[in-house]
Amino acid sequence: MSRENPDFLKQFFFPLIFLEACQNGLFANYERSFYQHTVSS
């Protein structure tokens, strides 16, 4: 197996980590607001 290219790793993993972080943030905010909505009603 050839050594991996750092540029390839950067191009592949950074967007993945960024997307995952964004999704986690969005879902966390959604769950929090949904939880507050159900509790308050």
C-alpha atoms as a PDB file:
ATOM      1  CA  MET A   1       0.000   0.000   0.000  1.00  0.00           C
ATOM      2  CA  SER A   2       1.406   3.356  -1.008  1.00  0.00           C
ATOM      3  CA  ARG A   3       1.879   6.148   1.462  1.00  0.00           C
ATOM      4  CA  GLU A   4      -1.155   8.425   1.630  1.00  0.00           C
ATOM      5  CA  ASN A   5      -0.924  11.915   0.211  1.00  0.00           C
ATOM      6  CA  PRO A   6      -1.416  14.581   2.932  1.00  0.00           C
ATOM      7  CA  ASP A   7      -3.190  16.782   0.386  1.00  0.00           C
ATOM      8  CA  PHE A   8      -5.655  13.996  -0.315  1.00  0.00           C
ATOM      9  CA  LEU A   9      -6.191  13.450   3.396  1.00  0.00           C
ATOM     10  CA  LYS A  10      -6.761  17.166   3.878  1.00  0.00           C
ATOM     11  CA  GLN A  11      -9.228  17.348   0.992  1.00  0.00           C
ATOM     12  CA  PHE A  12     -11.080  14.238   2.126  1.00  0.00           C
ATOM     13  CA  PHE A  13     -11.093  14.339   5.924  1.00  0.00           C
ATOM     14  CA  PHE A  14     -11.422  18.057   6.648  1.00  0.00           C
ATOM     15  CA  PRO A  15     -14.776  18.456   4.821  1.00  0.00           C
ATOM     16  CA  LEU A  16     -15.979  15.251   6.485  1.00  0.00           C
ATOM     17  CA  ILE A  17     -15.064  16.493   9.966  1.00  0.00           C
ATOM     18  CA  PHE A  18     -16.504  19.917   9.146  1.00  0.00           C
ATOM     19  CA  LEU A  19     -19.782  18.406   7.923  1.00  0.00           C
ATOM     20  CA  GLU A  20     -20.025  16.143  10.950  1.00  0.00           C
ATOM     21  CA  ALA A  21     -19.414  19.062  13.305  1.00  0.00           C
ATOM     22  CA  CYS A  22     -22.051  21.131  11.514  1.00  0.00           C
ATOM     23  CA  GLN A  23     -24.561  18.281  11.623  1.00  0.00           C
ATOM     24  CA  ASN A  24     -23.888  17.634  15.299  1.00  0.00           C
ATOM     25  CA  GLY A  25     -24.381  21.313  16.076  1.00  0.00           C
ATOM     26  CA  LEU A  26     -27.588  21.498  14.053  1.00  0.00           C
ATOM     27  CA  PHE A  27     -29.032  18.346  15.584  1.00  0.00           C
ATOM     28  CA  ALA A  28     -28.052  19.411  19.092  1.00  0.00           C
ATOM     29  CA  ASN A  29     -29.763  22.776  18.617  1.00  0.00           C
ATOM     30  CA  TYR A  30     -32.823  21.103  17.109  1.00  0.00           C
ATOM     31  CA  GLU A  31     -33.090  18.580  19.937  1.00  0.00           C
ATOM     32  CA  ARG A  32     -32.681  21.312  22.540  1.00  0.00           C
ATOM     33  CA  SER A  33     -35.391  23.547  21.058  1.00  0.00           C
ATOM     34  CA  PHE A  34     -37.695  20.569  20.520  1.00  0.00           C
ATOM     35  CA  TYR A  35     -37.172  19.429  24.110  1.00  0.00           C
ATOM     36  CA  GLN A  36     -37.864  22.902  25.468  1.00  0.00           C
ATOM     37  CA  HIS A  37     -40.987  23.131  23.305  1.00  0.00           C
ATOM     38  CA  THR A  38     -42.404  19.819  24.543  1.00  0.00           C
ATOM     39  CA  VAL A  39     -41.577  20.619  28.173  1.00  0.00           C
ATOM     40  CA  SER A  40     -43.104  24.108  28.103  1.00  0.00           C
ATOM     41  CA  SER A  41     -46.393  23.001  26.510  1.00  0.00           C
END
